[in-house]
Amino acid sequence: MIFIVLKIYSIFAPILIRKLSEGTKVPSFYRLNLMREKVEQLLANALEKNKSLFLIDLNISADNQIRVVLDGDQGVTVDDCIAVSREIEHNLDREQNDFSLEVMSAGLSEPLSIPRQYKKNIGRNLKIKTNTGDKIEGELIAATEESCTLTWSAREPKPVGKGKVTVQKEAVLPYKDIMEAKVMITF
């Protein structure tokens, strides 16, 4: 399916470019795709300059509202957002495409979405909802490219007799099985 779309896209691209140069309107999806490619390239250049930053989300709406969400291994400062914003904004032509640009850091209340975020948060407590509906709260002790490992204390009935005993539990959760993971903030 993607191959067919790309094939059609590549067949009609020269025609659309010629029509654009002649002053004929070009379909908005084509302009949006060109804008996205340009912004992705500029964003890659900006992130190359500061390797501790990484992209969480890039969204470009039909009316050219560009929204960039970043995170960083040591967090994201206002200066980091300004630098990325300038790298993008100074290299786009407002005469050609009017746009608005918003560059922000991933908030504390936002769920973790990529493995690098999990690695950054090793040692912190997470609240995880799995695809099966289970909820786990525990300390993130390890993270790989495929999964994360949590440990927590739980009260369970004694094997013999009455009462409960505290046991340490550990779970390795593949990212594909995690619906949502949030860092628990402690004060």
N, C-alpha and C. Protein backbone atom coordinates (compact mmCIF):
# COMPACT_ATOMS: atom_id res chain seq x y z
N MET A 1 0.83 -1.19 0.00
CA MET A 1 0.00 0.00 0.00
C MET A 1 0.87 1.25 0.00
N ILE A 2 1.88 1.29 0.86
CA ILE A 2 2.76 2.45 0.94
C ILE A 2 3.54 2.59 -0.36
N PHE A 3 3.97 1.46 -0.91
CA PHE A 3 4.72 1.48 -2.15
C PHE A 3 3.89 2.11 -3.26
N ILE A 4 2.62 1.75 -3.32
CA ILE A 4 1.73 2.28 -4.36
C ILE A 4 1.57 3.79 -4.18
N VAL A 5 1.37 4.23 -2.95
CA VAL A 5 1.21 5.66 -2.68
C VAL A 5 2.48 6.41 -3.06
N LEU A 6 3.64 5.88 -2.68
CA LEU A 6 4.90 6.52 -3.02
C LEU A 6 5.10 6.55 -4.53
N LYS A 7 4.72 5.48 -5.21
CA LYS A 7 4.86 5.41 -6.66
C LYS A 7 4.00 6.48 -7.31
N ILE A 8 2.74 6.59 -6.88
CA ILE A 8 1.84 7.61 -7.42
C ILE A 8 2.38 8.99 -7.10
N TYR A 9 2.85 9.16 -5.87
CA TYR A 9 3.41 10.43 -5.42
C TYR A 9 4.58 10.84 -6.30
N SER A 10 5.48 9.90 -6.59
CA SER A 10 6.65 10.22 -7.40
C SER A 10 6.28 10.47 -8.86
N ILE A 11 5.22 9.85 -9.35
CA ILE A 11 4.79 10.06 -10.73
C ILE A 11 4.23 11.48 -10.89
N PHE A 12 3.42 11.92 -9.90
CA PHE A 12 2.76 13.21 -10.03
C PHE A 12 3.56 14.37 -9.47
N ALA A 13 4.66 14.11 -8.77
CA ALA A 13 5.45 15.19 -8.18
C ALA A 13 5.95 16.19 -9.22
N PRO A 14 6.55 15.75 -10.33
CA PRO A 14 7.01 16.72 -11.33
C PRO A 14 5.88 17.58 -11.90
N ILE A 15 4.73 16.97 -12.09
CA ILE A 15 3.57 17.71 -12.61
C ILE A 15 3.14 18.77 -11.61
N LEU A 16 3.09 18.37 -10.33
CA LEU A 16 2.67 19.32 -9.30
C LEU A 16 3.67 20.46 -9.16
N ILE A 17 4.95 20.17 -9.26
CA ILE A 17 5.96 21.21 -9.16
C ILE A 17 5.84 22.18 -10.35
N ARG A 18 5.60 21.64 -11.53
CA ARG A 18 5.43 22.49 -12.71
C ARG A 18 4.19 23.37 -12.54
N LYS A 19 3.10 22.79 -12.06
CA LYS A 19 1.88 23.56 -11.84
C LYS A 19 2.11 24.66 -10.81
N LEU A 20 2.91 24.37 -9.79
CA LEU A 20 3.21 25.36 -8.76
C LEU A 20 3.97 26.53 -9.37
N SER A 21 4.93 26.24 -10.24
CA SER A 21 5.70 27.32 -10.86
C SER A 21 4.85 28.13 -11.83
N GLU A 22 3.79 27.52 -12.35
CA GLU A 22 2.89 28.24 -13.27
C GLU A 22 1.85 29.05 -12.51
N GLY A 23 1.78 28.88 -11.18
CA GLY A 23 0.83 29.64 -10.39
C GLY A 23 -0.46 28.89 -10.11
N THR A 24 -0.56 27.66 -10.53
CA THR A 24 -1.75 26.87 -10.26
C THR A 24 -1.68 26.33 -8.84
N LYS A 25 -2.84 26.23 -8.19
CA LYS A 25 -2.85 25.72 -6.83
C LYS A 25 -2.46 24.24 -6.79
N VAL A 26 -1.69 23.91 -5.76
CA VAL A 26 -1.23 22.55 -5.56
C VAL A 26 -2.02 21.97 -4.40
N PRO A 27 -2.35 20.69 -4.43
CA PRO A 27 -3.09 20.10 -3.32
C PRO A 27 -2.36 20.33 -2.00
N SER A 28 -3.14 20.57 -0.95
CA SER A 28 -2.56 20.92 0.36
C SER A 28 -1.72 19.78 0.93
N PHE A 29 -2.08 18.53 0.65
CA PHE A 29 -1.29 17.42 1.19
C PHE A 29 0.14 17.46 0.68
N TYR A 30 0.31 17.92 -0.55
CA TYR A 30 1.66 17.98 -1.14
C TYR A 30 2.48 19.07 -0.46
N ARG A 31 1.87 20.25 -0.28
CA ARG A 31 2.57 21.34 0.40
C ARG A 31 2.88 20.96 1.84
N LEU A 32 1.95 20.31 2.50
CA LEU A 32 2.15 19.87 3.88
C LEU A 32 3.30 18.88 3.96
N ASN A 33 3.38 17.97 2.99
CA ASN A 33 4.46 16.99 2.97
C ASN A 33 5.80 17.66 2.73
N LEU A 34 5.85 18.65 1.81
CA LEU A 34 7.08 19.38 1.58
C LEU A 34 7.51 20.15 2.83
N MET A 35 6.54 20.77 3.51
CA MET A 35 6.82 21.51 4.75
C MET A 35 7.36 20.56 5.81
N ARG A 36 6.73 19.40 5.94
CA ARG A 36 7.17 18.42 6.95
C ARG A 36 8.61 17.98 6.68
N GLU A 37 8.92 17.68 5.43
CA GLU A 37 10.28 17.25 5.09
C GLU A 37 11.30 18.33 5.45
N LYS A 38 10.98 19.57 5.14
CA LYS A 38 11.89 20.69 5.43
C LYS A 38 12.07 20.85 6.94
N VAL A 39 10.98 20.80 7.69
CA VAL A 39 11.05 20.96 9.15
C VAL A 39 11.81 19.79 9.77
N GLU A 40 11.59 18.57 9.30
CA GLU A 40 12.32 17.42 9.81
C GLU A 40 13.82 17.57 9.59
N GLN A 41 14.20 18.08 8.42
CA GLN A 41 15.62 18.28 8.11
C GLN A 41 16.21 19.35 9.04
N LEU A 42 15.50 20.46 9.22
CA LEU A 42 15.98 21.54 10.09
C LEU A 42 16.06 21.08 11.54
N LEU A 43 15.09 20.29 11.95
CA LEU A 43 15.06 19.76 13.31
C LEU A 43 16.22 18.80 13.54
N ALA A 44 16.50 17.97 12.56
CA ALA A 44 17.65 17.05 12.66
C ALA A 44 18.95 17.83 12.82
N ASN A 45 19.08 18.92 12.07
CA ASN A 45 20.28 19.77 12.19
C ASN A 45 20.38 20.37 13.59
N ALA A 46 19.26 20.85 14.12
CA ALA A 46 19.26 21.46 15.45
C ALA A 46 19.60 20.43 16.53
N LEU A 47 19.07 19.22 16.40
CA LEU A 47 19.33 18.18 17.40
C LEU A 47 20.76 17.65 17.28
N GLU A 48 21.33 17.76 16.10
CA GLU A 48 22.73 17.35 15.91
C GLU A 48 23.67 18.27 16.68
N LYS A 49 23.28 19.52 16.82
CA LYS A 49 24.10 20.49 17.55
C LYS A 49 24.07 20.26 19.05
N ASN A 50 22.97 19.69 19.56
CA ASN A 50 22.85 19.39 20.99
C ASN A 50 22.38 17.94 21.12
N LYS A 51 23.33 17.03 21.21
CA LYS A 51 23.03 15.60 21.18
C LYS A 51 22.30 15.09 22.42
N SER A 52 22.20 15.91 23.48
CA SER A 52 21.47 15.46 24.66
C SER A 52 19.96 15.61 24.47
N LEU A 53 19.53 16.35 23.45
CA LEU A 53 18.11 16.52 23.16
C LEU A 53 17.64 15.46 22.18
N PHE A 54 16.36 15.10 22.28
CA PHE A 54 15.78 14.18 21.33
C PHE A 54 14.31 14.51 21.11
N LEU A 55 13.81 14.13 19.95
CA LEU A 55 12.45 14.45 19.54
C LEU A 55 11.45 13.46 20.12
N ILE A 56 10.40 14.00 20.69
CA ILE A 56 9.28 13.18 21.16
C ILE A 56 8.14 13.21 20.15
N ASP A 57 7.82 14.41 19.65
CA ASP A 57 6.70 14.52 18.72
C ASP A 57 6.90 15.72 17.81
N LEU A 58 6.50 15.57 16.56
CA LEU A 58 6.46 16.66 15.58
C LEU A 58 5.10 16.59 14.93
N ASN A 59 4.36 17.70 15.01
CA ASN A 59 3.03 17.75 14.44
C ASN A 59 2.92 19.02 13.61
N ILE A 60 2.49 18.88 12.37
CA ILE A 60 2.25 20.02 11.50
C ILE A 60 0.82 19.92 11.01
N SER A 61 0.02 20.92 11.37
CA SER A 61 -1.39 20.90 10.98
C SER A 61 -1.55 21.42 9.55
N ALA A 62 -2.75 21.30 9.02
CA ALA A 62 -3.02 21.73 7.65
C ALA A 62 -2.82 23.23 7.47
N ASP A 63 -2.98 24.01 8.55
CA ASP A 63 -2.77 25.46 8.44
C ASP A 63 -1.36 25.86 8.90
N ASN A 64 -0.42 24.92 8.81
CA ASN A 64 1.01 25.14 9.09
C ASN A 64 1.31 25.56 10.52
N GLN A 65 0.59 25.02 11.46
CA GLN A 65 0.96 25.19 12.86
C GLN A 65 1.92 24.06 13.20
N ILE A 66 3.16 24.42 13.47
CA ILE A 66 4.22 23.45 13.73
C ILE A 66 4.38 23.33 15.24
N ARG A 67 4.29 22.10 15.75
CA ARG A 67 4.42 21.84 17.18
C ARG A 67 5.51 20.79 17.37
N VAL A 68 6.57 21.18 18.09
CA VAL A 68 7.72 20.30 18.33
C VAL A 68 7.80 20.04 19.83
N VAL A 69 7.83 18.76 20.21
CA VAL A 69 7.98 18.39 21.62
C VAL A 69 9.31 17.68 21.77
N LEU A 70 10.15 18.21 22.68
CA LEU A 70 11.50 17.68 22.90
C LEU A 70 11.64 17.14 24.31
N ASP A 71 12.63 16.29 24.48
CA ASP A 71 13.08 15.86 25.81
C ASP A 71 14.59 15.80 25.74
N GLY A 72 15.22 15.70 26.89
CA GLY A 72 16.67 15.66 26.91
C GLY A 72 17.17 14.76 28.01
N ASP A 73 18.37 14.25 27.83
CA ASP A 73 18.97 13.37 28.82
C ASP A 73 19.17 14.07 30.16
N GLN A 74 19.42 15.39 30.12
CA GLN A 74 19.55 16.18 31.35
C GLN A 74 18.40 17.18 31.45
N GLY A 75 17.28 16.91 30.81
CA GLY A 75 16.16 17.81 30.81
C GLY A 75 16.26 18.79 29.64
N VAL A 76 15.27 19.67 29.53
CA VAL A 76 15.23 20.66 28.45
C VAL A 76 15.07 22.03 29.09
N THR A 77 15.96 22.94 28.73
CA THR A 77 15.89 24.30 29.26
C THR A 77 15.17 25.20 28.27
N VAL A 78 14.82 26.39 28.73
CA VAL A 78 14.21 27.38 27.85
C VAL A 78 15.19 27.73 26.72
N ASP A 79 16.47 27.83 27.06
CA ASP A 79 17.48 28.13 26.04
C ASP A 79 17.55 27.05 24.97
N ASP A 80 17.36 25.79 25.36
CA ASP A 80 17.33 24.69 24.39
C ASP A 80 16.16 24.87 23.41
N CYS A 81 14.99 25.20 23.96
CA CYS A 81 13.81 25.42 23.12
C CYS A 81 14.01 26.60 22.18
N ILE A 82 14.61 27.67 22.69
CA ILE A 82 14.87 28.85 21.87
C ILE A 82 15.83 28.51 20.73
N ALA A 83 16.89 27.77 21.02
CA ALA A 83 17.88 27.41 20.00
C ALA A 83 17.24 26.57 18.89
N VAL A 84 16.42 25.59 19.26
CA VAL A 84 15.76 24.74 18.26
C VAL A 84 14.76 25.57 17.47
N SER A 85 14.02 26.42 18.14
CA SER A 85 13.04 27.28 17.47
C SER A 85 13.72 28.18 16.45
N ARG A 86 14.83 28.78 16.82
CA ARG A 86 15.55 29.66 15.90
C ARG A 86 16.11 28.89 14.71
N GLU A 87 16.61 27.70 14.96
CA GLU A 87 17.17 26.88 13.88
C GLU A 87 16.10 26.58 12.83
N ILE A 88 14.88 26.34 13.27
CA ILE A 88 13.79 26.04 12.34
C ILE A 88 13.26 27.33 11.70
N GLU A 89 12.92 28.28 12.55
CA GLU A 89 12.24 29.49 12.06
C GLU A 89 13.11 30.32 11.11
N HIS A 90 14.38 30.43 11.38
CA HIS A 90 15.26 31.26 10.54
C HIS A 90 15.54 30.63 9.18
N ASN A 91 15.18 29.37 9.01
CA ASN A 91 15.45 28.70 7.75
C ASN A 91 14.19 28.36 6.96
N LEU A 92 13.05 28.84 7.43
CA LEU A 92 11.80 28.70 6.68
C LEU A 92 11.40 30.07 6.14
N ASP A 93 10.83 30.08 4.96
CA ASP A 93 10.45 31.33 4.32
C ASP A 93 8.97 31.63 4.60
N ARG A 94 8.72 32.68 5.37
CA ARG A 94 7.34 33.08 5.68
C ARG A 94 6.62 33.62 4.44
N GLU A 95 7.37 34.10 3.47
CA GLU A 95 6.75 34.60 2.24
C GLU A 95 6.15 33.44 1.44
N GLN A 96 6.81 32.29 1.51
CA GLN A 96 6.34 31.12 0.77
C GLN A 96 5.23 30.40 1.53
N ASN A 97 5.43 30.17 2.82
CA ASN A 97 4.45 29.48 3.66
C ASN A 97 4.34 30.20 4.99
N ASP A 98 3.18 30.74 5.27
CA ASP A 98 2.96 31.34 6.58
C ASP A 98 2.82 30.19 7.58
N PHE A 99 3.43 30.33 8.75
CA PHE A 99 3.39 29.25 9.74
C PHE A 99 3.49 29.83 11.14
N SER A 100 3.10 29.02 12.11
CA SER A 100 3.38 29.33 13.51
C SER A 100 4.19 28.17 14.06
N LEU A 101 5.10 28.49 14.97
CA LEU A 101 6.02 27.47 15.49
C LEU A 101 5.97 27.47 17.00
N GLU A 102 5.83 26.28 17.56
CA GLU A 102 5.80 26.10 19.01
C GLU A 102 6.78 24.98 19.35
N VAL A 103 7.81 25.30 20.13
CA VAL A 103 8.79 24.31 20.57
C VAL A 103 8.69 24.22 22.08
N MET A 104 8.50 23.00 22.60
CA MET A 104 8.30 22.82 24.04
C MET A 104 8.96 21.55 24.52
N SER A 105 9.11 21.47 25.84
CA SER A 105 9.65 20.25 26.43
C SER A 105 8.49 19.34 26.81
N ALA A 106 8.77 18.06 26.87
CA ALA A 106 7.76 17.10 27.33
C ALA A 106 7.53 17.37 28.81
N GLY A 107 6.30 17.59 29.19
CA GLY A 107 5.98 17.92 30.58
C GLY A 107 6.12 16.72 31.50
N LEU A 108 6.19 17.01 32.79
CA LEU A 108 6.30 15.94 33.79
C LEU A 108 5.08 15.04 33.80
N SER A 109 3.93 15.59 33.45
CA SER A 109 2.70 14.80 33.49
C SER A 109 2.48 14.00 32.21
N GLU A 110 3.34 14.21 31.21
CA GLU A 110 3.20 13.49 29.95
C GLU A 110 3.71 12.06 30.08
N PRO A 111 3.04 11.11 29.43
CA PRO A 111 3.54 9.72 29.49
C PRO A 111 4.85 9.55 28.72
N LEU A 112 5.63 8.58 29.14
CA LEU A 112 6.87 8.23 28.44
C LEU A 112 6.48 7.55 27.13
N SER A 113 7.22 7.85 26.06
CA SER A 113 6.82 7.30 24.78
C SER A 113 7.93 6.59 24.01
N ILE A 114 9.19 6.86 24.34
CA ILE A 114 10.28 6.21 23.62
C ILE A 114 11.28 5.63 24.61
N PRO A 115 12.04 4.60 24.21
CA PRO A 115 12.98 3.95 25.12
C PRO A 115 13.99 4.90 25.77
N ARG A 116 14.42 5.91 25.06
CA ARG A 116 15.41 6.84 25.62
C ARG A 116 14.85 7.57 26.84
N GLN A 117 13.54 7.80 26.88
CA GLN A 117 12.93 8.44 28.05
C GLN A 117 12.97 7.50 29.25
N TYR A 118 12.75 6.21 29.01
CA TYR A 118 12.82 5.25 30.10
C TYR A 118 14.23 5.21 30.68
N LYS A 119 15.23 5.17 29.80
CA LYS A 119 16.62 5.12 30.25
C LYS A 119 16.97 6.35 31.08
N LYS A 120 16.45 7.48 30.68
CA LYS A 120 16.70 8.73 31.39
C LYS A 120 16.11 8.71 32.80
N ASN A 121 15.04 7.97 32.98
CA ASN A 121 14.32 7.96 34.26
C ASN A 121 14.61 6.76 35.14
N ILE A 122 15.70 6.03 34.88
CA ILE A 122 16.08 4.92 35.75
C ILE A 122 16.31 5.46 37.16
N GLY A 123 15.76 4.75 38.14
CA GLY A 123 15.87 5.17 39.54
C GLY A 123 14.64 5.92 40.03
N ARG A 124 13.76 6.30 39.11
CA ARG A 124 12.53 7.00 39.49
C ARG A 124 11.37 6.02 39.57
N ASN A 125 10.33 6.43 40.27
CA ASN A 125 9.13 5.62 40.37
C ASN A 125 8.20 5.89 39.20
N LEU A 126 7.67 4.82 38.62
CA LEU A 126 6.75 4.93 37.49
C LEU A 126 5.40 4.33 37.85
N LYS A 127 4.38 4.84 37.20
CA LYS A 127 3.04 4.28 37.28
C LYS A 127 2.72 3.80 35.86
N ILE A 128 2.55 2.49 35.71
CA ILE A 128 2.37 1.90 34.38
C ILE A 128 1.01 1.22 34.28
N LYS A 129 0.33 1.48 33.15
CA LYS A 129 -0.90 0.77 32.80
C LYS A 129 -0.54 -0.12 31.62
N THR A 130 -0.85 -1.41 31.76
CA THR A 130 -0.54 -2.35 30.68
C THR A 130 -1.73 -2.49 29.73
N ASN A 131 -1.49 -3.10 28.59
CA ASN A 131 -2.57 -3.33 27.62
C ASN A 131 -3.64 -4.26 28.16
N THR A 132 -3.30 -5.08 29.16
CA THR A 132 -4.27 -6.00 29.75
C THR A 132 -5.06 -5.36 30.88
N GLY A 133 -4.76 -4.09 31.21
CA GLY A 133 -5.49 -3.38 32.26
C GLY A 133 -4.81 -3.39 33.62
N ASP A 134 -3.70 -4.10 33.74
CA ASP A 134 -2.97 -4.12 35.01
C ASP A 134 -2.33 -2.76 35.27
N LYS A 135 -2.25 -2.40 36.55
CA LYS A 135 -1.58 -1.17 36.95
C LYS A 135 -0.44 -1.54 37.88
N ILE A 136 0.75 -1.05 37.55
CA ILE A 136 1.94 -1.36 38.35
C ILE A 136 2.60 -0.05 38.72
N GLU A 137 2.92 0.09 40.00
CA GLU A 137 3.69 1.24 40.48
C GLU A 137 4.97 0.69 41.08
N GLY A 138 6.10 1.16 40.60
CA GLY A 138 7.36 0.68 41.13
C GLY A 138 8.52 1.49 40.63
N GLU A 139 9.71 1.12 41.10
CA GLU A 139 10.93 1.82 40.72
C GLU A 139 11.48 1.23 39.43
N LEU A 140 11.80 2.09 38.50
CA LEU A 140 12.40 1.67 37.24
C LEU A 140 13.88 1.39 37.51
N ILE A 141 14.27 0.12 37.36
CA ILE A 141 15.66 -0.24 37.67
C ILE A 141 16.50 -0.53 36.43
N ALA A 142 15.84 -0.75 35.28
CA ALA A 142 16.59 -1.01 34.05
C ALA A 142 15.70 -0.70 32.85
N ALA A 143 16.34 -0.34 31.74
CA ALA A 143 15.62 -0.08 30.50
C ALA A 143 16.52 -0.43 29.32
N THR A 144 15.96 -1.15 28.37
CA THR A 144 16.67 -1.50 27.14
C THR A 144 15.88 -0.92 25.97
N GLU A 145 16.24 -1.29 24.77
CA GLU A 145 15.51 -0.82 23.59
C GLU A 145 14.15 -1.52 23.44
N GLU A 146 13.96 -2.67 24.10
CA GLU A 146 12.73 -3.43 23.94
C GLU A 146 11.84 -3.46 25.18
N SER A 147 12.42 -3.27 26.38
CA SER A 147 11.63 -3.43 27.60
C SER A 147 12.21 -2.62 28.75
N CYS A 148 11.43 -2.56 29.84
CA CYS A 148 11.90 -1.92 31.07
C CYS A 148 11.64 -2.88 32.23
N THR A 149 12.39 -2.70 33.31
CA THR A 149 12.26 -3.55 34.48
C THR A 149 11.87 -2.69 35.68
N LEU A 150 10.80 -3.11 36.36
CA LEU A 150 10.32 -2.41 37.55
C LEU A 150 10.43 -3.33 38.75
N THR A 151 10.65 -2.73 39.92
CA THR A 151 10.65 -3.47 41.17
C THR A 151 9.76 -2.71 42.15
N TRP A 152 9.06 -3.46 43.01
CA TRP A 152 8.18 -2.86 44.00
C TRP A 152 7.93 -3.83 45.14
N SER A 153 7.44 -3.29 46.26
CA SER A 153 7.11 -4.11 47.43
C SER A 153 5.61 -4.36 47.42
N ALA A 154 5.23 -5.58 47.82
CA ALA A 154 3.81 -5.95 47.88
C ALA A 154 3.55 -6.78 49.14
N ARG A 155 2.37 -6.64 49.69
CA ARG A 155 1.97 -7.44 50.85
C ARG A 155 1.18 -8.64 50.34
N GLU A 156 1.63 -9.84 50.73
CA GLU A 156 0.98 -11.07 50.31
C GLU A 156 0.72 -11.95 51.52
N PRO A 157 -0.30 -12.81 51.44
CA PRO A 157 -0.56 -13.72 52.55
C PRO A 157 0.64 -14.64 52.80
N LYS A 158 0.86 -14.94 54.09
CA LYS A 158 1.94 -15.87 54.43
C LYS A 158 1.64 -17.23 53.83
N PRO A 159 2.69 -17.98 53.45
CA PRO A 159 2.45 -19.31 52.90
C PRO A 159 1.83 -20.25 53.93
N VAL A 160 2.21 -20.04 55.21
CA VAL A 160 1.67 -20.87 56.28
C VAL A 160 1.20 -19.95 57.40
N GLY A 161 0.00 -20.14 57.85
CA GLY A 161 -0.51 -19.34 58.96
C GLY A 161 -1.23 -18.09 58.50
N LYS A 162 -1.62 -17.30 59.53
CA LYS A 162 -2.36 -16.07 59.25
C LYS A 162 -1.39 -14.90 59.09
N GLY A 163 -1.91 -13.84 58.50
CA GLY A 163 -1.12 -12.63 58.35
C GLY A 163 -0.54 -12.47 56.96
N LYS A 164 0.18 -11.38 56.81
CA LYS A 164 0.78 -11.06 55.51
C LYS A 164 2.26 -10.79 55.69
N VAL A 165 2.98 -10.94 54.63
CA VAL A 165 4.41 -10.69 54.61
C VAL A 165 4.73 -9.77 53.42
N THR A 166 5.72 -8.90 53.58
CA THR A 166 6.13 -8.01 52.50
C THR A 166 7.15 -8.73 51.63
N VAL A 167 6.89 -8.72 50.32
CA VAL A 167 7.80 -9.37 49.37
C VAL A 167 8.21 -8.36 48.29
N GLN A 168 9.41 -8.53 47.77
CA GLN A 168 9.88 -7.71 46.65
C GLN A 168 9.47 -8.40 45.36
N LYS A 169 8.87 -7.63 44.47
CA LYS A 169 8.47 -8.16 43.17
C LYS A 169 9.23 -7.42 42.09
N GLU A 170 9.39 -8.09 40.98
CA GLU A 170 10.09 -7.51 39.84
C GLU A 170 9.39 -7.96 38.57
N ALA A 171 9.26 -7.06 37.62
CA ALA A 171 8.62 -7.40 36.34
C ALA A 171 9.39 -6.76 35.20
N VAL A 172 9.57 -7.54 34.15
CA VAL A 172 10.16 -7.03 32.91
C VAL A 172 8.98 -6.82 31.96
N LEU A 173 8.79 -5.56 31.55
CA LEU A 173 7.64 -5.22 30.71
C LEU A 173 8.11 -4.77 29.33
N PRO A 174 7.75 -5.51 28.28
CA PRO A 174 8.06 -5.03 26.92
C PRO A 174 7.27 -3.75 26.64
N TYR A 175 7.88 -2.81 25.94
CA TYR A 175 7.21 -1.54 25.65
C TYR A 175 5.91 -1.75 24.88
N LYS A 176 5.85 -2.79 24.05
CA LYS A 176 4.63 -3.04 23.27
C LYS A 176 3.45 -3.42 24.17
N ASP A 177 3.73 -3.87 25.40
CA ASP A 177 2.66 -4.24 26.32
C ASP A 177 2.26 -3.09 27.25
N ILE A 178 2.92 -1.94 27.13
CA ILE A 178 2.63 -0.80 27.99
C ILE A 178 1.71 0.17 27.26
N MET A 179 0.56 0.43 27.87
CA MET A 179 -0.38 1.40 27.31
C MET A 179 0.05 2.82 27.68
N GLU A 180 0.46 3.00 28.95
CA GLU A 180 0.85 4.31 29.43
C GLU A 180 1.83 4.16 30.59
N ALA A 181 2.86 4.98 30.60
CA ALA A 181 3.83 4.99 31.69
C ALA A 181 4.11 6.44 32.06
N LYS A 182 3.92 6.77 33.32
CA LYS A 182 4.17 8.14 33.79
C LYS A 182 5.11 8.10 34.99
N VAL A 183 5.96 9.12 35.04
CA VAL A 183 6.84 9.28 36.18
C VAL A 183 6.00 9.81 37.33
N MET A 184 6.15 9.16 38.51
CA MET A 184 5.44 9.61 39.70
C MET A 184 6.29 10.68 40.38
N ILE A 185 5.72 11.83 40.57
CA ILE A 185 6.44 12.95 41.15
C ILE A 185 6.31 12.91 42.66
N THR A 186 7.46 12.96 43.33
CA THR A 186 7.46 12.98 44.80
C THR A 186 8.06 14.29 45.27
N PHE A 187 7.48 14.83 46.32
CA PHE A 187 7.97 16.10 46.86
C PHE A 187 8.62 15.90 48.21
